[in-house]
Amino acid sequence: MSKITNVLLMSVMAVGLAACGSNPPAPAKPVVADCVFPGTTEPAPGWICDEPVEGVEVSAVGTAEASQAGDAFMKQMAATDARVQLAQRMKVQVQNMIKQYAETTGSGKSETVDRVNTSVTKQITNETLVGTKIFKSRVGPNGKMYVLVGLDPASVQKIAEAAIKTSMNNDQALWQKFQAGKAQDEMAAEIAKQKVEAQK
């Protein structure tokens, strides 16, 4: 064979060996959305996965199964579901307000603070959440209705103050131990402002 043929043959063999030796490209991984509708792989808005929504202080997502009664009925059922959850979240919010107030004023022992928390949170139910509204709604790929029900900061303060005042009227002896020389109305207003003031 001629030198040119040998060089060409060697070049072809080198290219062939290089091709055999290289790894095939890895298959691309499927991109998964940060938030998907429950039970699906369909991307969903962030609020469905409890991401915060601007202007909403406390919120909850409610769901309702697909119904022949229509979207309005499904939205009402989903909102009711969300309000039950919202009541639980408001209880936690108010407990934190009371604990923060007790820490900053030095009032009440821990046992008294716990009893006050229990007394106040009994006043918060899904029926007392006046001022809640549906901020967002979406029908998922599975036909379920999803709604975001929440409260703005002013509504949170108003509901907290009302629950505290009701508790004070129902259990005056307990609140007498807790308060640090303040009138009840003044103290209820200050406790309800705790969260709002902390955010400024």
N, C-alpha and C. Protein backbone atom coordinates (compact mmCIF):
# COMPACT_ATOMS: atom_id res chain seq x y z
N MET A 1 0.84 -1.18 0.00
CA MET A 1 0.00 0.00 0.00
C MET A 1 0.88 1.24 0.00
N SER A 2 0.32 2.25 -0.58
CA SER A 2 1.09 3.47 -0.62
C SER A 2 1.01 4.18 0.71
N LYS A 3 1.92 5.11 0.89
CA LYS A 3 1.95 5.86 2.15
C LYS A 3 0.66 6.65 2.34
N ILE A 4 0.11 7.18 1.28
CA ILE A 4 -1.12 7.99 1.39
C ILE A 4 -2.27 7.10 1.83
N THR A 5 -2.34 5.91 1.27
CA THR A 5 -3.41 4.98 1.66
C THR A 5 -3.25 4.60 3.11
N ASN A 6 -2.03 4.33 3.55
CA ASN A 6 -1.78 3.98 4.96
C ASN A 6 -2.20 5.12 5.89
N VAL A 7 -1.85 6.33 5.53
CA VAL A 7 -2.20 7.49 6.36
C VAL A 7 -3.70 7.66 6.43
N LEU A 8 -4.38 7.50 5.28
CA LEU A 8 -5.83 7.61 5.27
C LEU A 8 -6.48 6.52 6.11
N LEU A 9 -5.99 5.29 5.97
CA LEU A 9 -6.53 4.16 6.72
C LEU A 9 -6.33 4.37 8.21
N MET A 10 -5.18 4.84 8.61
CA MET A 10 -4.90 5.09 10.03
C MET A 10 -5.79 6.22 10.57
N SER A 11 -6.03 7.24 9.75
CA SER A 11 -6.88 8.35 10.18
C SER A 11 -8.31 7.89 10.39
N VAL A 12 -8.81 7.07 9.46
CA VAL A 12 -10.18 6.55 9.58
C VAL A 12 -10.30 5.67 10.82
N MET A 13 -9.31 4.83 11.07
CA MET A 13 -9.33 3.96 12.25
C MET A 13 -9.27 4.78 13.54
N ALA A 14 -8.48 5.83 13.55
CA ALA A 14 -8.37 6.69 14.74
C ALA A 14 -9.70 7.37 15.04
N VAL A 15 -10.34 7.87 13.98
CA VAL A 15 -11.65 8.52 14.16
C VAL A 15 -12.67 7.50 14.64
N GLY A 16 -12.64 6.29 14.08
CA GLY A 16 -13.57 5.23 14.49
C GLY A 16 -13.37 4.85 15.93
N LEU A 17 -12.12 4.70 16.36
CA LEU A 17 -11.84 4.35 17.76
C LEU A 17 -12.27 5.48 18.70
N ALA A 18 -12.02 6.71 18.29
CA ALA A 18 -12.42 7.84 19.12
C ALA A 18 -13.94 7.88 19.29
N ALA A 19 -14.66 7.58 18.21
CA ALA A 19 -16.13 7.58 18.28
C ALA A 19 -16.62 6.47 19.18
N CYS A 20 -15.97 5.30 19.12
CA CYS A 20 -16.38 4.18 19.96
C CYS A 20 -16.07 4.45 21.42
N GLY A 21 -14.98 5.16 21.67
CA GLY A 21 -14.55 5.39 23.05
C GLY A 21 -15.32 6.48 23.77
N SER A 22 -15.94 7.40 23.05
CA SER A 22 -16.64 8.49 23.74
C SER A 22 -18.00 8.01 24.25
N ASN A 23 -18.41 8.56 25.39
CA ASN A 23 -19.70 8.19 26.00
C ASN A 23 -20.84 8.88 25.25
N PRO A 24 -21.95 8.15 25.08
CA PRO A 24 -23.11 8.81 24.46
C PRO A 24 -23.63 9.90 25.39
N PRO A 25 -24.22 10.97 24.88
CA PRO A 25 -24.73 12.04 25.75
C PRO A 25 -25.82 11.50 26.67
N ALA A 26 -25.78 11.98 27.94
CA ALA A 26 -26.77 11.54 28.93
C ALA A 26 -28.14 12.11 28.54
N PRO A 27 -29.18 11.31 28.75
CA PRO A 27 -30.51 11.83 28.42
C PRO A 27 -30.85 13.02 29.32
N ALA A 28 -31.50 14.00 28.76
CA ALA A 28 -31.86 15.20 29.53
C ALA A 28 -32.88 14.85 30.60
N LYS A 29 -32.64 15.38 31.80
CA LYS A 29 -33.58 15.14 32.90
C LYS A 29 -34.81 16.01 32.69
N PRO A 30 -35.99 15.47 32.98
CA PRO A 30 -37.20 16.29 32.82
C PRO A 30 -37.19 17.44 33.83
N VAL A 31 -37.62 18.59 33.41
CA VAL A 31 -37.68 19.75 34.29
C VAL A 31 -38.95 19.63 35.13
N VAL A 32 -38.79 19.72 36.46
CA VAL A 32 -39.93 19.62 37.36
C VAL A 32 -40.21 21.01 37.91
N ALA A 33 -41.44 21.44 37.85
CA ALA A 33 -41.83 22.76 38.35
C ALA A 33 -41.68 22.80 39.86
N ASP A 34 -41.42 24.00 40.40
CA ASP A 34 -41.31 24.18 41.86
C ASP A 34 -42.62 23.83 42.55
N CYS A 35 -43.72 24.11 41.89
CA CYS A 35 -45.03 23.85 42.48
C CYS A 35 -45.90 23.16 41.43
N VAL A 36 -46.52 22.06 41.83
CA VAL A 36 -47.42 21.34 40.94
C VAL A 36 -48.77 21.14 41.63
N PHE A 37 -49.81 20.96 40.85
CA PHE A 37 -51.11 20.65 41.43
C PHE A 37 -51.00 19.29 42.12
N PRO A 38 -51.54 19.15 43.33
CA PRO A 38 -51.44 17.88 44.05
C PRO A 38 -51.93 16.69 43.21
N GLY A 39 -51.15 15.63 43.23
CA GLY A 39 -51.52 14.41 42.52
C GLY A 39 -51.25 14.46 41.02
N THR A 40 -50.58 15.54 40.54
CA THR A 40 -50.28 15.67 39.12
C THR A 40 -48.84 16.13 38.95
N THR A 41 -48.43 16.24 37.71
CA THR A 41 -47.12 16.83 37.41
C THR A 41 -47.29 18.18 36.72
N GLU A 42 -48.52 18.67 36.69
CA GLU A 42 -48.83 19.95 36.04
C GLU A 42 -48.35 21.11 36.91
N PRO A 43 -47.61 22.07 36.32
CA PRO A 43 -47.18 23.26 37.09
C PRO A 43 -48.38 24.02 37.64
N ALA A 44 -48.21 24.55 38.84
CA ALA A 44 -49.28 25.31 39.50
C ALA A 44 -48.72 26.64 39.99
N PRO A 45 -49.60 27.62 40.21
CA PRO A 45 -49.13 28.89 40.79
C PRO A 45 -48.57 28.65 42.19
N GLY A 46 -47.60 29.45 42.59
CA GLY A 46 -46.92 29.26 43.88
C GLY A 46 -47.83 29.25 45.08
N TRP A 47 -48.93 30.02 45.06
CA TRP A 47 -49.80 30.10 46.24
C TRP A 47 -50.45 28.75 46.55
N ILE A 48 -50.57 27.88 45.56
CA ILE A 48 -51.16 26.55 45.80
C ILE A 48 -50.23 25.73 46.71
N CYS A 49 -48.93 26.04 46.66
CA CYS A 49 -47.94 25.36 47.51
C CYS A 49 -47.58 26.20 48.73
N ASP A 50 -48.48 27.09 49.15
CA ASP A 50 -48.32 27.92 50.35
C ASP A 50 -47.22 28.96 50.25
N GLU A 51 -46.85 29.37 49.05
CA GLU A 51 -45.91 30.50 48.94
C GLU A 51 -46.65 31.77 49.35
N PRO A 52 -45.97 32.69 50.03
CA PRO A 52 -46.64 33.92 50.48
C PRO A 52 -47.13 34.77 49.31
N VAL A 53 -48.20 35.49 49.57
CA VAL A 53 -48.78 36.39 48.58
C VAL A 53 -48.73 37.79 49.17
N GLU A 54 -48.22 38.73 48.40
CA GLU A 54 -48.08 40.10 48.88
C GLU A 54 -49.42 40.69 49.30
N GLY A 55 -49.44 41.34 50.47
CA GLY A 55 -50.65 41.97 50.97
C GLY A 55 -51.55 41.04 51.76
N VAL A 56 -51.19 39.74 51.84
CA VAL A 56 -51.99 38.78 52.60
C VAL A 56 -51.16 38.34 53.80
N GLU A 57 -51.63 38.69 54.99
CA GLU A 57 -50.88 38.42 56.23
C GLU A 57 -50.98 36.95 56.64
N VAL A 58 -52.19 36.43 56.65
CA VAL A 58 -52.42 35.03 57.01
C VAL A 58 -53.32 34.45 55.93
N SER A 59 -52.97 33.25 55.43
CA SER A 59 -53.77 32.67 54.35
C SER A 59 -53.82 31.16 54.46
N ALA A 60 -54.74 30.57 53.73
CA ALA A 60 -54.87 29.11 53.65
C ALA A 60 -55.46 28.77 52.29
N VAL A 61 -55.08 27.60 51.79
CA VAL A 61 -55.60 27.12 50.50
C VAL A 61 -56.65 26.05 50.78
N GLY A 62 -57.82 26.24 50.22
CA GLY A 62 -58.89 25.26 50.35
C GLY A 62 -59.15 24.59 49.01
N THR A 63 -59.68 23.38 49.07
CA THR A 63 -60.00 22.67 47.82
C THR A 63 -61.42 22.13 47.87
N ALA A 64 -61.96 21.91 46.69
CA ALA A 64 -63.27 21.26 46.57
C ALA A 64 -63.22 20.36 45.34
N GLU A 65 -63.81 19.20 45.47
CA GLU A 65 -63.86 18.24 44.35
C GLU A 65 -64.73 18.79 43.23
N ALA A 66 -64.47 18.33 42.02
CA ALA A 66 -65.29 18.71 40.87
C ALA A 66 -66.74 18.36 41.16
N SER A 67 -67.65 19.26 40.80
CA SER A 67 -69.07 19.05 41.10
C SER A 67 -69.93 19.51 39.93
N GLN A 68 -71.04 18.79 39.74
CA GLN A 68 -72.00 19.18 38.71
C GLN A 68 -72.71 20.48 39.10
N ALA A 69 -72.60 20.88 40.39
CA ALA A 69 -73.27 22.09 40.86
C ALA A 69 -72.61 23.35 40.32
N GLY A 70 -71.43 23.22 39.74
CA GLY A 70 -70.80 24.37 39.08
C GLY A 70 -69.68 25.01 39.88
N ASP A 71 -69.02 25.95 39.20
CA ASP A 71 -67.85 26.62 39.79
C ASP A 71 -68.18 27.42 41.04
N ALA A 72 -69.32 28.11 41.05
CA ALA A 72 -69.67 28.94 42.21
C ALA A 72 -69.82 28.07 43.46
N PHE A 73 -70.47 26.94 43.33
CA PHE A 73 -70.63 26.02 44.45
C PHE A 73 -69.28 25.47 44.90
N MET A 74 -68.45 25.07 43.92
CA MET A 74 -67.13 24.54 44.25
C MET A 74 -66.28 25.59 44.96
N LYS A 75 -66.37 26.83 44.51
CA LYS A 75 -65.60 27.91 45.13
C LYS A 75 -66.04 28.14 46.58
N GLN A 76 -67.36 28.06 46.80
CA GLN A 76 -67.89 28.23 48.16
C GLN A 76 -67.40 27.10 49.08
N MET A 77 -67.41 25.86 48.58
CA MET A 77 -66.95 24.72 49.38
C MET A 77 -65.44 24.82 49.67
N ALA A 78 -64.67 25.23 48.66
CA ALA A 78 -63.23 25.37 48.84
C ALA A 78 -62.92 26.49 49.84
N ALA A 79 -63.69 27.58 49.79
CA ALA A 79 -63.50 28.69 50.73
C ALA A 79 -63.80 28.26 52.15
N THR A 80 -64.84 27.44 52.34
CA THR A 80 -65.17 26.93 53.67
C THR A 80 -64.03 26.07 54.20
N ASP A 81 -63.48 25.21 53.36
CA ASP A 81 -62.34 24.38 53.73
C ASP A 81 -61.16 25.25 54.14
N ALA A 82 -60.90 26.32 53.38
CA ALA A 82 -59.77 27.20 53.67
C ALA A 82 -59.98 27.95 54.99
N ARG A 83 -61.21 28.35 55.28
CA ARG A 83 -61.47 29.12 56.52
C ARG A 83 -61.21 28.28 57.77
N VAL A 84 -61.49 26.98 57.70
CA VAL A 84 -61.20 26.10 58.84
C VAL A 84 -59.69 26.11 59.10
N GLN A 85 -58.90 25.99 58.04
CA GLN A 85 -57.44 26.03 58.18
C GLN A 85 -56.97 27.41 58.64
N LEU A 86 -57.62 28.45 58.12
CA LEU A 86 -57.24 29.81 58.47
C LEU A 86 -57.46 30.08 59.95
N ALA A 87 -58.52 29.53 60.51
CA ALA A 87 -58.78 29.69 61.95
C ALA A 87 -57.61 29.11 62.75
N GLN A 88 -57.10 27.95 62.33
CA GLN A 88 -55.95 27.35 63.04
C GLN A 88 -54.72 28.25 62.93
N ARG A 89 -54.50 28.80 61.75
CA ARG A 89 -53.32 29.67 61.56
C ARG A 89 -53.46 30.97 62.35
N MET A 90 -54.68 31.48 62.46
CA MET A 90 -54.90 32.69 63.26
C MET A 90 -54.64 32.42 64.73
N LYS A 91 -55.01 31.22 65.19
CA LYS A 91 -54.74 30.87 66.59
C LYS A 91 -53.25 30.92 66.87
N VAL A 92 -52.46 30.37 65.98
CA VAL A 92 -51.00 30.38 66.15
C VAL A 92 -50.49 31.82 66.12
N GLN A 93 -51.02 32.63 65.20
CA GLN A 93 -50.61 34.03 65.08
C GLN A 93 -50.87 34.78 66.38
N VAL A 94 -52.07 34.60 66.94
CA VAL A 94 -52.44 35.31 68.17
C VAL A 94 -51.62 34.80 69.36
N GLN A 95 -51.37 33.50 69.40
CA GLN A 95 -50.51 32.97 70.47
C GLN A 95 -49.14 33.63 70.43
N ASN A 96 -48.60 33.79 69.23
CA ASN A 96 -47.29 34.44 69.10
C ASN A 96 -47.35 35.90 69.53
N MET A 97 -48.46 36.58 69.23
CA MET A 97 -48.62 37.97 69.65
C MET A 97 -48.60 38.07 71.18
N ILE A 98 -49.33 37.17 71.84
CA ILE A 98 -49.42 37.20 73.30
C ILE A 98 -48.05 36.89 73.92
N LYS A 99 -47.36 35.88 73.40
CA LYS A 99 -46.03 35.54 73.93
C LYS A 99 -45.06 36.69 73.75
N GLN A 100 -45.11 37.32 72.57
CA GLN A 100 -44.22 38.45 72.31
C GLN A 100 -44.53 39.61 73.26
N TYR A 101 -45.82 39.86 73.49
CA TYR A 101 -46.22 40.92 74.42
C TYR A 101 -45.71 40.60 75.82
N ALA A 102 -45.88 39.35 76.25
CA ALA A 102 -45.44 38.95 77.59
C ALA A 102 -43.93 39.11 77.75
N GLU A 103 -43.18 38.78 76.69
CA GLU A 103 -41.72 38.91 76.75
C GLU A 103 -41.28 40.36 76.80
N THR A 104 -41.95 41.23 76.06
CA THR A 104 -41.52 42.63 76.00
C THR A 104 -41.95 43.42 77.22
N THR A 105 -43.03 43.00 77.87
CA THR A 105 -43.52 43.75 79.04
C THR A 105 -43.16 43.08 80.36
N GLY A 106 -42.72 41.82 80.29
CA GLY A 106 -42.39 41.11 81.52
C GLY A 106 -43.61 40.74 82.33
N SER A 107 -44.77 40.64 81.71
CA SER A 107 -45.99 40.32 82.44
C SER A 107 -46.29 38.82 82.38
N GLY A 108 -46.86 38.32 83.45
CA GLY A 108 -47.31 36.92 83.49
C GLY A 108 -46.20 35.90 83.54
N LYS A 109 -46.45 34.81 84.24
CA LYS A 109 -45.53 33.67 84.26
C LYS A 109 -45.86 32.80 83.05
N SER A 110 -44.96 31.88 82.74
CA SER A 110 -45.18 31.04 81.55
C SER A 110 -46.48 30.25 81.65
N GLU A 111 -46.81 29.79 82.85
CA GLU A 111 -48.06 29.04 83.02
C GLU A 111 -49.27 29.93 82.73
N THR A 112 -49.21 31.18 83.21
CA THR A 112 -50.30 32.12 82.97
C THR A 112 -50.40 32.46 81.49
N VAL A 113 -49.25 32.64 80.83
CA VAL A 113 -49.25 32.94 79.40
C VAL A 113 -49.91 31.80 78.62
N ASP A 114 -49.57 30.55 78.97
CA ASP A 114 -50.17 29.40 78.30
C ASP A 114 -51.68 29.36 78.49
N ARG A 115 -52.12 29.66 79.71
CA ARG A 115 -53.57 29.65 79.98
C ARG A 115 -54.27 30.78 79.22
N VAL A 116 -53.63 31.93 79.15
CA VAL A 116 -54.19 33.05 78.39
C VAL A 116 -54.30 32.67 76.91
N ASN A 117 -53.24 32.04 76.39
CA ASN A 117 -53.27 31.61 74.98
C ASN A 117 -54.43 30.66 74.72
N THR A 118 -54.62 29.71 75.60
CA THR A 118 -55.72 28.75 75.45
C THR A 118 -57.07 29.46 75.48
N SER A 119 -57.20 30.40 76.40
CA SER A 119 -58.45 31.14 76.54
C SER A 119 -58.76 31.95 75.28
N VAL A 120 -57.74 32.61 74.73
CA VAL A 120 -57.96 33.46 73.56
C VAL A 120 -58.25 32.62 72.32
N THR A 121 -57.48 31.56 72.13
CA THR A 121 -57.64 30.79 70.89
C THR A 121 -58.99 30.08 70.83
N LYS A 122 -59.62 29.86 71.98
CA LYS A 122 -60.98 29.29 71.96
C LYS A 122 -61.96 30.26 71.29
N GLN A 123 -61.62 31.55 71.31
CA GLN A 123 -62.53 32.56 70.75
C GLN A 123 -62.43 32.64 69.23
N ILE A 124 -61.36 32.04 68.66
CA ILE A 124 -61.16 32.13 67.21
C ILE A 124 -61.67 30.86 66.55
N THR A 125 -62.71 30.99 65.76
CA THR A 125 -63.24 29.86 64.99
C THR A 125 -63.38 30.30 63.55
N ASN A 126 -63.65 29.36 62.67
CA ASN A 126 -63.80 29.75 61.26
C ASN A 126 -65.01 30.65 61.07
N GLU A 127 -65.98 30.63 62.01
CA GLU A 127 -67.14 31.52 61.89
C GLU A 127 -66.80 32.96 62.28
N THR A 128 -65.77 33.14 63.11
CA THR A 128 -65.45 34.49 63.58
C THR A 128 -64.50 35.22 62.66
N LEU A 129 -64.07 34.59 61.58
CA LEU A 129 -63.09 35.22 60.71
C LEU A 129 -63.76 36.17 59.72
N VAL A 130 -64.36 37.20 60.27
CA VAL A 130 -64.99 38.23 59.45
C VAL A 130 -63.87 39.01 58.77
N GLY A 131 -64.05 39.30 57.51
CA GLY A 131 -63.01 40.05 56.79
C GLY A 131 -62.16 39.17 55.90
N THR A 132 -62.36 37.84 56.00
CA THR A 132 -61.61 36.97 55.09
C THR A 132 -62.18 37.13 53.69
N LYS A 133 -61.31 36.98 52.72
CA LYS A 133 -61.80 37.03 51.35
C LYS A 133 -60.99 36.10 50.47
N ILE A 134 -61.58 35.74 49.37
CA ILE A 134 -60.89 34.90 48.40
C ILE A 134 -59.99 35.80 47.57
N PHE A 135 -58.68 35.56 47.65
CA PHE A 135 -57.73 36.36 46.90
C PHE A 135 -57.45 35.75 45.52
N LYS A 136 -57.45 34.43 45.44
CA LYS A 136 -57.15 33.77 44.16
C LYS A 136 -57.94 32.47 44.08
N SER A 137 -58.24 32.03 42.85
CA SER A 137 -58.88 30.73 42.66
C SER A 137 -58.40 30.15 41.34
N ARG A 138 -58.43 28.82 41.26
CA ARG A 138 -57.97 28.15 40.04
C ARG A 138 -58.57 26.75 40.02
N VAL A 139 -59.01 26.33 38.85
CA VAL A 139 -59.45 24.94 38.67
C VAL A 139 -58.24 24.16 38.18
N GLY A 140 -57.91 23.08 38.87
CA GLY A 140 -56.76 22.26 38.52
C GLY A 140 -57.05 21.32 37.36
N PRO A 141 -56.01 20.65 36.87
CA PRO A 141 -56.19 19.73 35.75
C PRO A 141 -57.08 18.54 36.08
N ASN A 142 -57.21 18.24 37.38
CA ASN A 142 -58.06 17.14 37.81
C ASN A 142 -59.50 17.57 38.07
N GLY A 143 -59.81 18.85 37.77
CA GLY A 143 -61.17 19.35 37.96
C GLY A 143 -61.44 19.92 39.33
N LYS A 144 -60.49 19.79 40.27
CA LYS A 144 -60.68 20.35 41.61
C LYS A 144 -60.57 21.86 41.58
N MET A 145 -61.30 22.50 42.49
CA MET A 145 -61.23 23.95 42.66
C MET A 145 -60.27 24.24 43.81
N TYR A 146 -59.35 25.17 43.58
CA TYR A 146 -58.41 25.61 44.61
C TYR A 146 -58.65 27.10 44.85
N VAL A 147 -58.76 27.50 46.12
CA VAL A 147 -58.91 28.92 46.44
C VAL A 147 -57.93 29.31 47.53
N LEU A 148 -57.46 30.55 47.45
CA LEU A 148 -56.61 31.14 48.49
C LEU A 148 -57.48 32.12 49.25
N VAL A 149 -57.72 31.83 50.52
CA VAL A 149 -58.50 32.70 51.38
C VAL A 149 -57.53 33.31 52.39
N GLY A 150 -57.67 34.60 52.64
CA GLY A 150 -56.73 35.22 53.56
C GLY A 150 -57.25 36.48 54.20
N LEU A 151 -56.34 37.07 54.99
CA LEU A 151 -56.61 38.30 55.71
C LEU A 151 -55.46 39.26 55.49
N ASP A 152 -55.79 40.53 55.31
CA ASP A 152 -54.72 41.53 55.23
C ASP A 152 -54.30 41.89 56.66
N PRO A 153 -53.17 42.60 56.84
CA PRO A 153 -52.68 42.91 58.19
C PRO A 153 -53.70 43.61 59.08
N ALA A 154 -54.47 44.55 58.53
CA ALA A 154 -55.46 45.27 59.35
C ALA A 154 -56.54 44.33 59.86
N SER A 155 -56.97 43.38 59.03
CA SER A 155 -58.00 42.42 59.45
C SER A 155 -57.46 41.48 60.52
N VAL A 156 -56.20 41.07 60.38
CA VAL A 156 -55.58 40.20 61.39
C VAL A 156 -55.59 40.91 62.74
N GLN A 157 -55.20 42.18 62.75
CA GLN A 157 -55.15 42.94 64.00
C GLN A 157 -56.55 43.07 64.61
N LYS A 158 -57.54 43.35 63.76
CA LYS A 158 -58.91 43.53 64.24
C LYS A 158 -59.46 42.24 64.87
N ILE A 159 -59.25 41.11 64.19
CA ILE A 159 -59.74 39.83 64.70
C ILE A 159 -59.02 39.44 65.99
N ALA A 160 -57.70 39.66 66.03
CA ALA A 160 -56.93 39.33 67.23
C ALA A 160 -57.43 40.16 68.41
N GLU A 161 -57.63 41.44 68.19
CA GLU A 161 -58.08 42.32 69.28
C GLU A 161 -59.46 41.90 69.77
N ALA A 162 -60.37 41.55 68.86
CA ALA A 162 -61.72 41.13 69.26
C ALA A 162 -61.65 39.84 70.07
N ALA A 163 -60.83 38.89 69.66
CA ALA A 163 -60.71 37.62 70.39
C ALA A 163 -60.13 37.84 71.78
N ILE A 164 -59.14 38.73 71.87
CA ILE A 164 -58.52 39.01 73.17
C ILE A 164 -59.52 39.67 74.11
N LYS A 165 -60.27 40.65 73.59
CA LYS A 165 -61.26 41.33 74.44
C LYS A 165 -62.34 40.37 74.92
N THR A 166 -62.81 39.49 74.03
CA THR A 166 -63.83 38.51 74.42
C THR A 166 -63.29 37.60 75.51
N SER A 167 -62.05 37.15 75.34
CA SER A 167 -61.43 36.29 76.35
C SER A 167 -61.29 37.02 77.67
N MET A 168 -60.93 38.30 77.63
CA MET A 168 -60.80 39.09 78.87
C MET A 168 -62.13 39.16 79.61
N ASN A 169 -63.20 39.34 78.85
CA ASN A 169 -64.53 39.41 79.48
C ASN A 169 -64.95 38.07 80.05
N ASN A 170 -64.55 36.98 79.40
CA ASN A 170 -64.96 35.64 79.84
C ASN A 170 -64.12 35.12 80.99
N ASP A 171 -62.89 35.57 81.11
CA ASP A 171 -61.99 35.02 82.13
C ASP A 171 -61.20 36.16 82.77
N GLN A 172 -61.92 37.03 83.49
CA GLN A 172 -61.31 38.24 84.05
C GLN A 172 -60.22 37.94 85.08
N ALA A 173 -60.41 36.90 85.88
CA ALA A 173 -59.42 36.58 86.91
C ALA A 173 -58.08 36.19 86.28
N LEU A 174 -58.13 35.41 85.23
CA LEU A 174 -56.91 35.00 84.54
C LEU A 174 -56.18 36.22 83.97
N TRP A 175 -56.92 37.11 83.33
CA TRP A 175 -56.30 38.29 82.73
C TRP A 175 -55.77 39.25 83.79
N GLN A 176 -56.40 39.24 84.97
CA GLN A 176 -55.91 40.09 86.06
C GLN A 176 -54.48 39.67 86.43
N LYS A 177 -54.22 38.36 86.43
CA LYS A 177 -52.86 37.86 86.72
C LYS A 177 -51.90 38.24 85.61
N PHE A 178 -52.38 38.26 84.40
CA PHE A 178 -51.51 38.47 83.24
C PHE A 178 -51.13 39.93 83.04
N GLN A 179 -52.08 40.83 83.23
CA GLN A 179 -51.83 42.22 82.85
C GLN A 179 -50.82 42.90 83.76
N ALA A 180 -50.13 43.86 83.18
CA ALA A 180 -49.08 44.58 83.90
C ALA A 180 -49.52 46.02 84.09
N GLY A 181 -50.56 46.22 84.86
CA GLY A 181 -51.02 47.57 85.18
C GLY A 181 -51.64 48.33 84.02
N LYS A 182 -52.10 47.66 83.01
CA LYS A 182 -52.72 48.34 81.86
C LYS A 182 -54.22 48.07 81.86
N ALA A 183 -54.97 49.01 81.33
CA ALA A 183 -56.40 48.80 81.14
C ALA A 183 -56.58 47.71 80.09
N GLN A 184 -57.65 46.94 80.20
CA GLN A 184 -57.84 45.80 79.31
C GLN A 184 -57.91 46.20 77.84
N ASP A 185 -58.64 47.26 77.52
CA ASP A 185 -58.74 47.67 76.12
C ASP A 185 -57.38 48.08 75.56
N GLU A 186 -56.62 48.80 76.38
CA GLU A 186 -55.29 49.25 75.96
C GLU A 186 -54.38 48.05 75.72
N MET A 187 -54.45 47.08 76.63
CA MET A 187 -53.60 45.89 76.49
C MET A 187 -54.01 45.07 75.27
N ALA A 188 -55.30 44.90 75.03
CA ALA A 188 -55.77 44.13 73.87
C ALA A 188 -55.26 44.76 72.58
N ALA A 189 -55.34 46.09 72.51
CA ALA A 189 -54.87 46.80 71.31
C ALA A 189 -53.37 46.62 71.14
N GLU A 190 -52.61 46.69 72.23
CA GLU A 190 -51.15 46.55 72.14
C GLU A 190 -50.74 45.15 71.72
N ILE A 191 -51.42 44.15 72.25
CA ILE A 191 -51.10 42.76 71.87
C ILE A 191 -51.39 42.56 70.39
N ALA A 192 -52.53 43.05 69.94
CA ALA A 192 -52.92 42.87 68.53
C ALA A 192 -51.97 43.59 67.58
N LYS A 193 -51.28 44.64 68.07
CA LYS A 193 -50.35 45.39 67.22
C LYS A 193 -48.96 44.73 67.16
N GLN A 194 -48.69 43.76 68.03
CA GLN A 194 -47.35 43.18 68.13
C GLN A 194 -46.78 42.77 66.78
N LYS A 195 -47.52 42.01 65.99
CA LYS A 195 -47.03 41.49 64.72
C LYS A 195 -46.81 42.63 63.72
N VAL A 196 -47.74 43.56 63.68
CA VAL A 196 -47.65 44.67 62.73
C VAL A 196 -46.43 45.54 63.05
N GLU A 197 -46.21 45.84 64.33
CA GLU A 197 -45.08 46.67 64.74
C GLU A 197 -43.76 45.98 64.45
N ALA A 198 -43.71 44.66 64.65
CA ALA A 198 -42.48 43.91 64.44
C ALA A 198 -42.05 43.94 62.97
N GLN A 199 -43.00 44.10 62.05
CA GLN A 199 -42.68 44.08 60.63
C GLN A 199 -42.22 45.42 60.10
N LYS A 200 -42.41 46.50 60.87
CA LYS A 200 -42.03 47.84 60.37
C LYS A 200 -40.54 48.02 60.43
